[in-house]
C-alpha atoms as a PDB file:
ATOM      1  CA  MET A   1      -6.662  19.053 -24.492  1.00  0.00           C
ATOM      2  CA  GLU A   2      -4.412  18.363 -21.336  1.00  0.00           C
ATOM      3  CA  LYS A   3      -4.486  14.668 -20.799  1.00  0.00           C
ATOM      4  CA  ARG A   4      -5.484  13.879 -17.241  1.00  0.00           C
ATOM      5  CA  ILE A   5      -3.137  10.915 -15.496  1.00  0.00           C
ATOM      6  CA  ILE A   6      -3.644   9.156 -12.447  1.00  0.00           C
ATOM      7  CA  GLU A   7      -1.856   6.903 -10.111  1.00  0.00           C
ATOM      8  CA  CYS A   8      -2.496   3.185  -8.973  1.00  0.00           C
ATOM      9  CA  VAL A   9      -0.649   1.017  -6.490  1.00  0.00           C
ATOM     10  CA  PRO A  10      -2.250  -1.981  -6.323  1.00  0.00           C
ATOM     11  CA  ASN A  11      -0.990  -4.902  -3.786  1.00  0.00           C
ATOM     12  CA  PHE A  12      -1.791  -8.326  -4.601  1.00  0.00           C
ATOM     13  CA  SER A  13      -1.488 -11.591  -2.169  1.00  0.00           C
ATOM     14  CA  GLU A  14       1.729 -13.230  -4.150  1.00  0.00           C
ATOM     15  CA  GLY A  15       5.555 -12.099  -3.684  1.00  0.00           C
ATOM     16  CA  ARG A  16       7.337 -16.316  -3.754  1.00  0.00           C
ATOM     17  CA  ASP A  17       6.136 -17.610  -7.095  1.00  0.00           C
ATOM     18  CA  PRO A  18       7.681 -15.844  -9.926  1.00  0.00           C
ATOM     19  CA  VAL A  19       5.479 -17.090 -12.811  1.00  0.00           C
ATOM     20  CA  ARG A  20       2.253 -15.884 -10.979  1.00  0.00           C
ATOM     21  CA  ILE A  21       3.887 -12.205 -10.511  1.00  0.00           C
ATOM     22  CA  ASP A  22       4.868 -12.098 -13.847  1.00  0.00           C
ATOM     23  CA  ARG A  23       1.492 -12.965 -15.548  1.00  0.00           C
ATOM     24  CA  ILE A  24      -0.148 -10.242 -12.969  1.00  0.00           C
ATOM     25  CA  VAL A  25       2.227  -7.888 -14.029  1.00  0.00           C
ATOM     26  CA  GLU A  26       2.030  -8.361 -17.614  1.00  0.00           C
ATOM     27  CA  ALA A  27      -1.530  -7.292 -17.030  1.00  0.00           C
ATOM     28  CA  PHE A  28       0.147  -3.518 -17.226  1.00  0.00           C
ATOM     29  CA  ARG A  29       2.616  -4.199 -19.848  1.00  0.00           C
ATOM     30  CA  ALA A  30       2.106  -2.264 -23.237  1.00  0.00           C
ATOM     31  CA  LYS A  31      -1.200  -1.214 -22.545  1.00  0.00           C
ATOM     32  CA  GLU A  32      -1.986   1.879 -24.735  1.00  0.00           C
ATOM     33  CA  GLY A  33      -2.795   4.883 -22.272  1.00  0.00           C
ATOM     34  CA  VAL A  34      -0.955   3.023 -19.462  1.00  0.00           C
ATOM     35  CA  LYS A  35       2.483   2.809 -18.119  1.00  0.00           C
ATOM     36  CA  LEU A  36       3.926   0.443 -15.556  1.00  0.00           C
ATOM     37  CA  LEU A  37       6.566   2.299 -13.396  1.00  0.00           C
ATOM     38  CA  ASP A  38       7.914  -0.234 -11.096  1.00  0.00           C
ATOM     39  CA  TYR A  39       6.536  -3.226  -9.065  1.00  0.00           C
ATOM     40  CA  SER A  40       8.315  -4.995  -6.041  1.00  0.00           C
ATOM     41  CA  SER A  41       7.836  -8.705  -4.508  1.00  0.00           C
ATOM     42  CA  ASP A  42       8.899  -9.932  -1.043  1.00  0.00           C
ATOM     43  CA  TYR A  43       9.039 -13.484  -0.180  1.00  0.00           C
ATOM     44  CA  ASP A  44       8.195 -12.811   3.804  1.00  0.00           C
ATOM     45  CA  HIS A  45       5.328 -10.482   3.166  1.00  0.00           C
ATOM     46  CA  ASN A  46       4.154 -12.786   0.667  1.00  0.00           C
ATOM     47  CA  ARG A  47       3.086  -9.889  -1.394  1.00  0.00           C
ATOM     48  CA  MET A  48       3.637  -7.825  -4.525  1.00  0.00           C
ATOM     49  CA  VAL A  49       3.264  -4.026  -5.218  1.00  0.00           C
ATOM     50  CA  ILE A  50       2.752  -2.903  -8.270  1.00  0.00           C
ATOM     51  CA  THR A  51       3.040   0.950  -9.359  1.00  0.00           C
ATOM     52  CA  VAL A  52       1.308   1.833 -12.367  1.00  0.00           C
ATOM     53  CA  ALA A  53      -0.007   5.216 -13.565  1.00  0.00           C
ATOM     54  CA  GLY A  54      -2.388   6.476 -17.060  1.00  0.00           C
ATOM     55  CA  ARG A  55      -5.642   7.747 -18.496  1.00  0.00           C
ATOM     56  CA  PRO A  56      -8.306   7.098 -16.197  1.00  0.00           C
ATOM     57  CA  PRO A  57     -10.204   4.519 -18.728  1.00  0.00           C
ATOM     58  CA  ALA A  58      -7.423   2.692 -19.562  1.00  0.00           C
ATOM     59  CA  LEU A  59      -5.617   2.619 -16.486  1.00  0.00           C
ATOM     60  CA  GLY A  60      -9.229   1.388 -14.743  1.00  0.00           C
ATOM     61  CA  ALA A  61      -9.511  -1.589 -17.554  1.00  0.00           C
ATOM     62  CA  ALA A  62      -5.910  -2.684 -17.261  1.00  0.00           C
ATOM     63  CA  VAL A  63      -6.502  -3.014 -13.461  1.00  0.00           C
ATOM     64  CA  LEU A  64      -9.545  -5.001 -13.876  1.00  0.00           C
ATOM     65  CA  ASP A  65      -7.368  -7.419 -16.349  1.00  0.00           C
ATOM     66  CA  ALA A  66      -4.981  -7.878 -13.048  1.00  0.00           C
ATOM     67  CA  ILE A  67      -7.970  -8.611 -10.630  1.00  0.00           C
ATOM     68  CA  GLY A  68      -9.558 -11.216 -12.867  1.00  0.00           C
ATOM     69  CA  ILE A  69      -6.116 -12.633 -13.131  1.00  0.00           C
ATOM     70  CA  ALA A  70      -4.602 -12.489  -9.925  1.00  0.00           C
ATOM     71  CA  ILE A  71      -8.457 -14.244  -8.855  1.00  0.00           C
ATOM     72  CA  GLU A  72      -7.356 -16.931 -10.968  1.00  0.00           C
ATOM     73  CA  LEU A  73      -3.776 -17.654  -9.873  1.00  0.00           C
ATOM     74  CA  ILE A  74      -3.605 -16.902  -6.213  1.00  0.00           C
ATOM     75  CA  ASP A  75      -5.760 -19.225  -3.472  1.00  0.00           C
ATOM     76  CA  LEU A  76      -6.161 -17.533   0.316  1.00  0.00           C
ATOM     77  CA  ASN A  77      -6.743 -21.233   1.665  1.00  0.00           C
ATOM     78  CA  THR A  78      -3.607 -21.825   1.160  1.00  0.00           C
ATOM     79  CA  HIS A  79      -1.823 -18.550   1.712  1.00  0.00           C
ATOM     80  CA  SER A  80       0.814 -17.747   4.038  1.00  0.00           C
ATOM     81  CA  GLY A  81       2.798 -14.308   4.783  1.00  0.00           C
ATOM     82  CA  VAL A  82       3.433 -12.000   7.636  1.00  0.00           C
ATOM     83  CA  HIS A  83       1.228  -8.711   6.035  1.00  0.00           C
ATOM     84  CA  PRO A  84      -2.136  -8.608   6.800  1.00  0.00           C
ATOM     85  CA  ARG A  85      -4.355  -9.148   3.762  1.00  0.00           C
ATOM     86  CA  MET A  86      -8.081 -10.134   2.878  1.00  0.00           C
ATOM     87  CA  GLY A  87      -7.985 -10.856  -0.873  1.00  0.00           C
ATOM     88  CA  ALA A  88      -5.883 -11.991  -3.489  1.00  0.00           C
ATOM     89  CA  VAL A  89      -6.387  -8.594  -4.617  1.00  0.00           C
ATOM     90  CA  ASP A  90      -5.792  -6.844  -1.055  1.00  0.00           C
ATOM     91  CA  VAL A  91      -6.005  -3.315  -2.030  1.00  0.00           C
ATOM     92  CA  VAL A  92      -6.457  -1.080  -4.723  1.00  0.00           C
ATOM     93  CA  PRO A  93      -5.601   2.729  -4.090  1.00  0.00           C
ATOM     94  CA  PHE A  94      -6.065   5.329  -7.007  1.00  0.00           C
ATOM     95  CA  ILE A  95      -3.771   8.661  -6.651  1.00  0.00           C
ATOM     96  CA  PRO A  96      -4.542  12.261  -8.128  1.00  0.00           C
ATOM     97  CA  LEU A  97      -0.928  13.114 -10.072  1.00  0.00           C
ATOM     98  CA  GLY A  98      -1.109  16.789 -11.537  1.00  0.00           C
ATOM     99  CA  LYS A  99      -3.826  18.855 -12.191  1.00  0.00           C
ATOM    100  CA  CYS A 100      -5.866  15.976 -11.986  1.00  0.00           C
ATOM    101  CA  SER A 101      -7.945  15.919  -8.868  1.00  0.00           C
ATOM    102  CA  MET A 102      -9.327  13.632  -5.936  1.00  0.00           C
ATOM    103  CA  ASP A 103     -12.855  13.681  -7.384  1.00  0.00           C
ATOM    104  CA  GLU A 104     -11.944  12.354 -11.059  1.00  0.00           C
ATOM    105  CA  ALA A 105      -9.944   9.585  -8.538  1.00  0.00           C
ATOM    106  CA  ILE A 106     -12.732   8.730  -6.434  1.00  0.00           C
ATOM    107  CA  ASP A 107     -14.745   8.887  -9.515  1.00  0.00           C
ATOM    108  CA  LEU A 108     -12.503   5.987 -10.961  1.00  0.00           C
ATOM    109  CA  ALA A 109     -11.887   4.299  -7.620  1.00  0.00           C
ATOM    110  CA  ARG A 110     -15.841   3.920  -7.598  1.00  0.00           C
ATOM    111  CA  GLU A 111     -16.162   2.420 -11.361  1.00  0.00           C
ATOM    112  CA  VAL A 112     -13.324  -0.399 -10.691  1.00  0.00           C
ATOM    113  CA  ALA A 113     -15.033  -1.363  -7.567  1.00  0.00           C
ATOM    114  CA  PHE A 114     -18.197  -1.782  -9.006  1.00  0.00           C
ATOM    115  CA  GLU A 115     -16.980  -3.895 -11.946  1.00  0.00           C
ATOM    116  CA  ALA A 116     -14.732  -5.797  -9.897  1.00  0.00           C
ATOM    117  CA  GLY A 117     -18.228  -7.072  -8.039  1.00  0.00           C
ATOM    118  CA  GLN A 118     -19.798  -7.449 -10.565  1.00  0.00           C
ATOM    119  CA  ARG A 119     -17.520  -9.224 -13.184  1.00  0.00           C
ATOM    120  CA  PHE A 120     -15.596 -11.329 -10.452  1.00  0.00           C
ATOM    121  CA  GLY A 121     -18.096 -11.901  -7.446  1.00  0.00           C
ATOM    122  CA  LEU A 122     -15.752  -9.608  -5.202  1.00  0.00           C
ATOM    123  CA  PRO A 123     -16.970  -8.190  -2.073  1.00  0.00           C
ATOM    124  CA  VAL A 124     -15.527  -4.799  -2.366  1.00  0.00           C
ATOM    125  CA  PHE A 125     -15.291  -1.883   0.687  1.00  0.00           C
ATOM    126  CA  LEU A 126     -14.419   1.504  -0.510  1.00  0.00           C
ATOM    127  CA  TYR A 127     -12.011   3.378   1.819  1.00  0.00           C
ATOM    128  CA  GLU A 128     -10.142   6.505   2.678  1.00  0.00           C
ATOM    129  CA  GLN A 129     -11.391   9.440   0.389  1.00  0.00           C
ATOM    130  CA  SER A 130     -14.027   6.889  -1.681  1.00  0.00           C
ATOM    131  CA  ALA A 131     -15.213   5.496   1.878  1.00  0.00           C
ATOM    132  CA  SER A 132     -19.213   5.582   2.487  1.00  0.00           C
ATOM    133  CA  ALA A 133     -18.869   5.746   5.940  1.00  0.00           C
ATOM    134  CA  PRO A 134     -16.731   7.176   8.780  1.00  0.00           C
ATOM    135  CA  HIS A 135     -15.724   3.748  10.144  1.00  0.00           C
ATOM    136  CA  ARG A 136     -14.518   2.885   6.803  1.00  0.00           C
ATOM    137  CA  VAL A 137     -11.892   5.169   6.281  1.00  0.00           C
ATOM    138  CA  ASN A 138      -9.239   3.514   7.909  1.00  0.00           C
ATOM    139  CA  LEU A 139      -7.531   0.754   5.828  1.00  0.00           C
ATOM    140  CA  ALA A 140      -6.780  -1.031   8.887  1.00  0.00           C
ATOM    141  CA  ASP A 141     -10.253  -1.179  10.247  1.00  0.00           C
ATOM    142  CA  VAL A 142     -11.914  -2.341   6.606  1.00  0.00           C
ATOM    143  CA  ARG A 143      -9.251  -5.106   6.481  1.00  0.00           C
ATOM    144  CA  ARG A 144      -9.436  -6.307  10.572  1.00  0.00           C
ATOM    145  CA  GLY A 145      -9.922  -9.935  10.695  1.00  0.00           C
ATOM    146  CA  GLY A 146      -8.001 -10.698   7.209  1.00  0.00           C
ATOM    147  CA  PHE A 147      -9.684 -13.816   4.882  1.00  0.00           C
ATOM    148  CA  GLU A 148     -10.204 -16.114   7.813  1.00  0.00           C
ATOM    149  CA  GLY A 149     -12.530 -13.976   9.781  1.00  0.00           C
ATOM    150  CA  LEU A 150     -14.420 -12.712   6.559  1.00  0.00           C
ATOM    151  CA  ASP A 151     -16.637 -14.668   6.658  1.00  0.00           C
ATOM    152  CA  GLU A 152     -18.424 -13.415  10.291  1.00  0.00           C
ATOM    153  CA  LYS A 153     -17.506 -10.127   9.187  1.00  0.00           C
ATOM    154  CA  LEU A 154     -19.480 -10.067   6.436  1.00  0.00           C
ATOM    155  CA  LYS A 155     -22.960 -11.311   8.584  1.00  0.00           C
ATOM    156  CA  LEU A 156     -22.328  -7.602   9.952  1.00  0.00           C
ATOM    157  CA  PRO A 157     -24.905  -4.860   8.825  1.00  0.00           C
ATOM    158  CA  LEU A 158     -21.804  -2.105   9.577  1.00  0.00           C
ATOM    159  CA  TRP A 159     -19.606  -4.027   7.421  1.00  0.00           C
ATOM    160  CA  ALA A 160     -21.611  -5.267   4.239  1.00  0.00           C
ATOM    161  CA  PRO A 161     -19.794  -4.440   0.915  1.00  0.00           C
ATOM    162  CA  ASP A 162     -20.057  -1.440  -0.864  1.00  0.00           C
ATOM    163  CA  PHE A 163     -20.624  -3.321  -3.953  1.00  0.00           C
ATOM    164  CA  GLY A 164     -20.509  -7.380  -4.707  1.00  0.00           C
ATOM    165  CA  PRO A 165     -22.080  -9.889  -2.924  1.00  0.00           C
ATOM    166  CA  SER A 166     -22.263 -10.267   1.005  1.00  0.00           C
ATOM    167  CA  ARG A 167     -20.202 -13.205   1.270  1.00  0.00           C
ATOM    168  CA  LYS A 168     -16.926 -14.109   0.574  1.00  0.00           C
ATOM    169  CA  HIS A 169     -14.812 -15.092  -2.519  1.00  0.00           C
ATOM    170  CA  PRO A 170     -13.978 -18.602  -1.847  1.00  0.00           C
ATOM    171  CA  THR A 171     -10.428 -18.059  -3.007  1.00  0.00           C
ATOM    172  CA  ALA A 172      -9.867 -14.588  -3.011  1.00  0.00           C
ATOM    173  CA  GLY A 173     -11.654 -13.042  -0.359  1.00  0.00           C
ATOM    174  CA  ALA A 174     -12.530  -9.107  -0.689  1.00  0.00           C
ATOM    175  CA  VAL A 175     -11.028  -6.127  -1.839  1.00  0.00           C
ATOM    176  CA  ALA A 176     -10.423  -2.437  -0.745  1.00  0.00           C
ATOM    177  CA  VAL A 177     -10.764  -0.163  -3.531  1.00  0.00           C
ATOM    178  CA  GLY A 178     -10.514   3.648  -2.733  1.00  0.00           C
ATOM    179  CA  ALA A 179      -8.299   7.317  -3.698  1.00  0.00           C
ATOM    180  CA  ARG A 180      -5.941   9.298  -1.431  1.00  0.00           C
ATOM    181  CA  SER A 181      -2.941  10.964  -1.577  1.00  0.00           C
ATOM    182  CA  PRO A 182       0.637   9.610  -2.106  1.00  0.00           C
ATOM    183  CA  LEU A 183       2.173   7.658   0.671  1.00  0.00           C
ATOM    184  CA  VAL A 184       5.396   6.416   1.236  1.00  0.00           C
ATOM    185  CA  ALA A 185       5.785   2.991   2.154  1.00  0.00           C
ATOM    186  CA  TYR A 186       9.061   2.746   4.302  1.00  0.00           C
ATOM    187  CA  ASN A 187      10.452   0.216   6.460  1.00  0.00           C
ATOM    188  CA  VAL A 188      13.259  -0.298   8.843  1.00  0.00           C
ATOM    189  CA  ASN A 189      15.100  -3.416   9.201  1.00  0.00           C
ATOM    190  CA  LEU A 190      16.338  -4.542  12.579  1.00  0.00           C
ATOM    191  CA  ASP A 191      19.665  -6.382  13.508  1.00  0.00           C
ATOM    192  CA  THR A 192      17.736  -9.451  15.781  1.00  0.00           C
ATOM    193  CA  ASP A 193      14.941 -12.073  15.370  1.00  0.00           C
ATOM    194  CA  ARG A 194      12.800 -10.787  17.919  1.00  0.00           C
ATOM    195  CA  ILE A 195       9.929 -10.420  17.116  1.00  0.00           C
ATOM    196  CA  ASP A 196       8.677  -8.741  20.307  1.00  0.00           C
ATOM    197  CA  VAL A 197      10.808  -6.020  20.369  1.00  0.00           C
ATOM    198  CA  ALA A 198       9.776  -5.359  16.513  1.00  0.00           C
ATOM    199  CA  ARG A 199       6.361  -4.937  17.943  1.00  0.00           C
ATOM    200  CA  ALA A 200       7.097  -2.951  20.783  1.00  0.00           C
ATOM    201  CA  ILE A 201       8.802  -0.587  18.689  1.00  0.00           C
ATOM    202  CA  ALA A 202       6.080  -0.319  16.281  1.00  0.00           C
ATOM    203  CA  ARG A 203       3.885   0.325  19.246  1.00  0.00           C
ATOM    204  CA  ARG A 204       5.531   3.470  20.085  1.00  0.00           C
ATOM    205  CA  VAL A 205       6.387   4.833  16.645  1.00  0.00           C
ATOM    206  CA  ARG A 206       2.752   4.666  15.364  1.00  0.00           C
ATOM    207  CA  TYR A 207       0.060   6.973  15.982  1.00  0.00           C
ATOM    208  CA  SER A 208      -2.353   4.885  17.019  1.00  0.00           C
ATOM    209  CA  SER A 209      -0.423   4.279  19.940  1.00  0.00           C
ATOM    210  CA  GLY A 210       0.799   7.890  20.390  1.00  0.00           C
ATOM    211  CA  GLY A 211       3.385   7.558  18.153  1.00  0.00           C
ATOM    212  CA  LEU A 212       3.992   9.985  15.078  1.00  0.00           C
ATOM    213  CA  ARG A 213       1.313  11.441  13.659  1.00  0.00           C
ATOM    214  CA  PHE A 214       1.090  10.525   9.880  1.00  0.00           C
ATOM    215  CA  CYS A 215       2.523   7.156  10.498  1.00  0.00           C
ATOM    216  CA  LYS A 216       1.389   3.344  10.799  1.00  0.00           C
ATOM    217  CA  ALA A 217       3.551   0.713  11.481  1.00  0.00           C
ATOM    218  CA  MET A 218       3.685  -2.856  12.717  1.00  0.00           C
ATOM    219  CA  GLY A 219       6.408  -5.207  13.629  1.00  0.00           C
ATOM    220  CA  VAL A 220       7.385  -8.614  11.502  1.00  0.00           C
ATOM    221  CA  GLU A 221       9.168 -11.679  10.972  1.00  0.00           C
ATOM    222  CA  LEU A 222      11.871 -11.797   8.100  1.00  0.00           C
ATOM    223  CA  LYS A 223      12.182 -15.769   8.186  1.00  0.00           C
ATOM    224  CA  THR A 224      14.145 -15.726   5.447  1.00  0.00           C
ATOM    225  CA  ARG A 225      17.039 -12.880   6.532  1.00  0.00           C
ATOM    226  CA  GLY A 226      16.892 -14.369  10.573  1.00  0.00           C
ATOM    227  CA  ALA A 227      15.722 -10.708  11.178  1.00  0.00           C
ATOM    228  CA  THR A 228      12.605  -8.079  11.738  1.00  0.00           C
ATOM    229  CA  GLN A 229      11.044  -5.718  11.003  1.00  0.00           C
ATOM    230  CA  VAL A 230       9.578  -1.942  11.569  1.00  0.00           C
ATOM    231  CA  SER A 231       6.775  -1.661   8.428  1.00  0.00           C
ATOM    232  CA  MET A 232       5.693   1.558   8.199  1.00  0.00           C
ATOM    233  CA  ASN A 233       3.063   3.465   5.832  1.00  0.00           C
ATOM    234  CA  MET A 234       4.027   7.141   5.636  1.00  0.00           C
ATOM    235  CA  THR A 235       0.338   8.798   5.593  1.00  0.00           C
ATOM    236  CA  ASP A 236       1.549  12.459   4.993  1.00  0.00           C
ATOM    237  CA  TYR A 237       5.436  12.423   4.359  1.00  0.00           C
ATOM    238  CA  SER A 238       5.373  16.972   3.856  1.00  0.00           C
ATOM    239  CA  ARG A 239       4.389  16.769   7.762  1.00  0.00           C
ATOM    240  CA  THR A 240       5.966  13.453   9.085  1.00  0.00           C
ATOM    241  CA  SER A 241       9.204  13.003   7.720  1.00  0.00           C
ATOM    242  CA  LEU A 242      10.960   9.978   6.678  1.00  0.00           C
ATOM    243  CA  TYR A 243      13.739  10.807   8.885  1.00  0.00           C
ATOM    244  CA  GLN A 244      11.746  11.066  11.901  1.00  0.00           C
ATOM    245  CA  ALA A 245      10.425   7.382  11.657  1.00  0.00           C
ATOM    246  CA  PHE A 246      13.872   6.254  10.944  1.00  0.00           C
ATOM    247  CA  GLU A 247      15.150   8.663  14.065  1.00  0.00           C
ATOM    248  CA  LEU A 248      12.409   7.234  16.605  1.00  0.00           C
ATOM    249  CA  VAL A 249      12.986   3.504  15.305  1.00  0.00           C
ATOM    250  CA  LYS A 250      16.816   4.010  16.154  1.00  0.00           C
ATOM    251  CA  LEU A 251      15.989   5.166  19.412  1.00  0.00           C
ATOM    252  CA  GLU A 252      13.349   2.943  20.993  1.00  0.00           C
ATOM    253  CA  ALA A 253      15.563  -0.075  19.127  1.00  0.00           C
ATOM    254  CA  ARG A 254      18.867   1.225  21.781  1.00  0.00           C
ATOM    255  CA  ARG A 255      16.478   0.851  24.750  1.00  0.00           C
ATOM    256  CA  TYR A 256      16.748  -3.234  23.348  1.00  0.00           C
ATOM    257  CA  GLY A 257      20.380  -3.332  22.979  1.00  0.00           C
ATOM    258  CA  VAL A 258      19.101  -3.290  18.980  1.00  0.00           C
ATOM    259  CA  ALA A 259      21.000  -2.349  15.991  1.00  0.00           C
ATOM    260  CA  VAL A 260      19.228  -1.050  12.721  1.00  0.00           C
ATOM    261  CA  ALA A 261      20.112  -3.008  10.027  1.00  0.00           C
ATOM    262  CA  GLY A 262      18.811  -0.578   7.123  1.00  0.00           C
ATOM    263  CA  SER A 263      16.417   0.779   5.772  1.00  0.00           C
ATOM    264  CA  GLU A 264      14.024   0.444   2.680  1.00  0.00           C
ATOM    265  CA  ILE A 265      11.278   2.203   0.093  1.00  0.00           C
ATOM    266  CA  ILE A 266       8.474   0.033  -0.971  1.00  0.00           C
ATOM    267  CA  GLY A 267       7.870   0.975  -4.765  1.00  0.00           C
ATOM    268  CA  LEU A 268       7.739   4.362  -5.641  1.00  0.00           C
ATOM    269  CA  VAL A 269       8.812   7.665  -3.555  1.00  0.00           C
ATOM    270  CA  PRO A 270       8.116  11.457  -4.311  1.00  0.00           C
ATOM    271  CA  MET A 271      11.058  13.514  -4.800  1.00  0.00           C
ATOM    272  CA  GLU A 272       9.971  16.285  -2.366  1.00  0.00           C
ATOM    273  CA  ALA A 273       9.907  13.304   0.476  1.00  0.00           C
ATOM    274  CA  ILE A 274      13.854  11.854  -0.056  1.00  0.00           C
ATOM    275  CA  ALA A 275      14.616  15.720  -0.714  1.00  0.00           C
ATOM    276  CA  ASP A 276      13.354  16.257   2.885  1.00  0.00           C
ATOM    277  CA  VAL A 277      15.651  13.729   4.185  1.00  0.00           C
ATOM    278  CA  ALA A 278      18.683  14.980   2.154  1.00  0.00           C
ATOM    279  CA  GLY A 279      18.198  18.594   3.748  1.00  0.00           C
ATOM    280  CA  TYR A 280      18.109  17.426   6.913  1.00  0.00           C
ATOM    281  CA  TYR A 281      21.193  14.539   7.004  1.00  0.00           C
ATOM    282  CA  LEU A 282      23.272  17.492   4.947  1.00  0.00           C
ATOM    283  CA  GLY A 283      22.350  20.222   7.193  1.00  0.00           C
ATOM    284  CA  LEU A 284      21.246  22.456   4.407  1.00  0.00           C
ATOM    285  CA  GLU A 285      20.058  25.705   5.002  1.00  0.00           C
ATOM    286  CA  ASP A 286      16.694  26.885   3.320  1.00  0.00           C
ATOM    287  CA  PHE A 287      16.867  23.977   1.101  1.00  0.00           C
ATOM    288  CA  SER A 288      13.686  23.274  -1.502  1.00  0.00           C
ATOM    289  CA  LEU A 289      13.126  21.273  -4.140  1.00  0.00           C
ATOM    290  CA  ARG A 290      13.573  23.910  -6.882  1.00  0.00           C
ATOM    291  CA  GLN A 291      17.031  23.476  -5.409  1.00  0.00           C
ATOM    292  CA  VAL A 292      16.960  20.127  -7.604  1.00  0.00           C
ATOM    293  CA  LEU A 293      18.156  20.123 -11.360  1.00  0.00           C
ATOM    294  CA  GLU A 294      15.278  17.587 -12.314  1.00  0.00           C
ATOM    295  CA  ALA A 295      12.610  18.872 -10.259  1.00  0.00           C
ATOM    296  CA  ARG A 296      13.350  22.190 -12.592  1.00  0.00           C
ATOM    297  CA  LEU A 297      13.860  20.465 -15.750  1.00  0.00           C
ATOM    298  CA  TRP A 298      10.394  18.870 -15.408  1.00  0.00           C
ATOM    299  CA  GLU A 299       8.095  22.229 -14.592  1.00  0.00           C
END
């Protein structure tokens, strides 16, 4: 029987303490039916992104173990960082891979969400494909107000949690759990410490302000580097390419006399997204993923 595989990319509000980072990551190491694919952390964002994949029951159990460890270690009352967050475990997306269906990912998301609420006393919001209402689909709407605004938000009937108590966890806040299609976390670093410039460029790039259709963006300060960043989520890289986002950031940066210092991908990226960028910058004619050796070997 074919094994059904789901990917999970949980985000944790810890990017500075290597001991805490290692303890959370340990929840995914050497687990039957689960493969730790990647993890990365950032001091300025004070955030860690883990990428794992596995069979649904085993993956769900490992994610719940990691949630428990993060709640034990992270206190958002003393947490600071440039990335928006409402929870010690901020967001837990499940992504179907291969022949696994979105419905299967939704089922796993709901199972983990229910158990997280019951086991840890954590308010849980379902989002994206798992959302229980239209106003909960967009993660930015769910997270708006952050940890500090949760007390008032949870008093509103519109924002009653899907699972768990109707009050924030005193140190771990709340968590968003859902199922979604693959996205690419893509950041462009700017050679300036002016946060107003980074924010202005982000406004021009993101869809909600009239920019690229499948792009979410915000400007953030990277104090440890003396620089700023346009931090983006490309929610459908097949319809809005990474090169489109990169070129638009460069174009907008020119009006402020600012150079692009480089860019980075957080976590893992689908091969198709990189092949698309290579095809554009190399001017390849009629190029497709089927011309990539590894892609053909893995078919």
